[in-house]
Amino acid sequence: MAANAFLTAPLALLIKRDFRRLGRASWATAVWSGIAMHGHALTTFAIAWLDRGSLYAPAAWSAAAGGALAGTGLFIIVLGRRAYASRARVYGLREDELIERGVYRRTRNPQYAGYGVMFAGAAIAAGSSLAFVFAGVFALLIHVYITWVEEPHLKRAFGAEYDAYCARVGRYFRF
């Protein structure tokens, strides 16, 4: 967890710098961002597996509930990526429109929310206290990143259009 936080903080600073200088992420920070997100996912699943049973003995109910939650999280991530219609937009390399279609009508951050839901599902399925902690650390780091880096950038890039979007759509979920 400490390594993830250690690697995430410089990444956030570099992306913030790129957003100010370039108006988008650089290729280097986009690649680092992808590695960080997918690395965190792999680490969370590995921790859930290695620490399984530390909170409670995994059972059919926890596998079903956790699996359903993890699957729902993955589905939300896929919906978010599809709404972008471009891999370049997913990684911040292209900032040509404010995405408000698809799942973005319900949440401004479906991919991050989806990862959080998926990680919580893995923790439930495995009965892993460490995976729950890791999911919480992810949620905290992402929240700080969203509020400190992404939202200020989107406000600069899209102005009143972004303000109106924020008034209509919740940061995570609003039904």
Foldseek 3Di string as FASTA:
>chain_A
DVVLVVLLVVLLVQQLVCCVPPVWHDPVSLVSVVCSLVVLLVVLLVQLVVQFQVQHHADPVLQVQLVVQLVQLVVLLVQVVVQVVDPCVVSGNDDDDQRCDTCNVFAVCSNLLSSLSNLVSSCSNRVGPVSVVSSVVSVVSVVCSCVPGVVVSCCVVPPPVVVVSCVRYPNGGDD
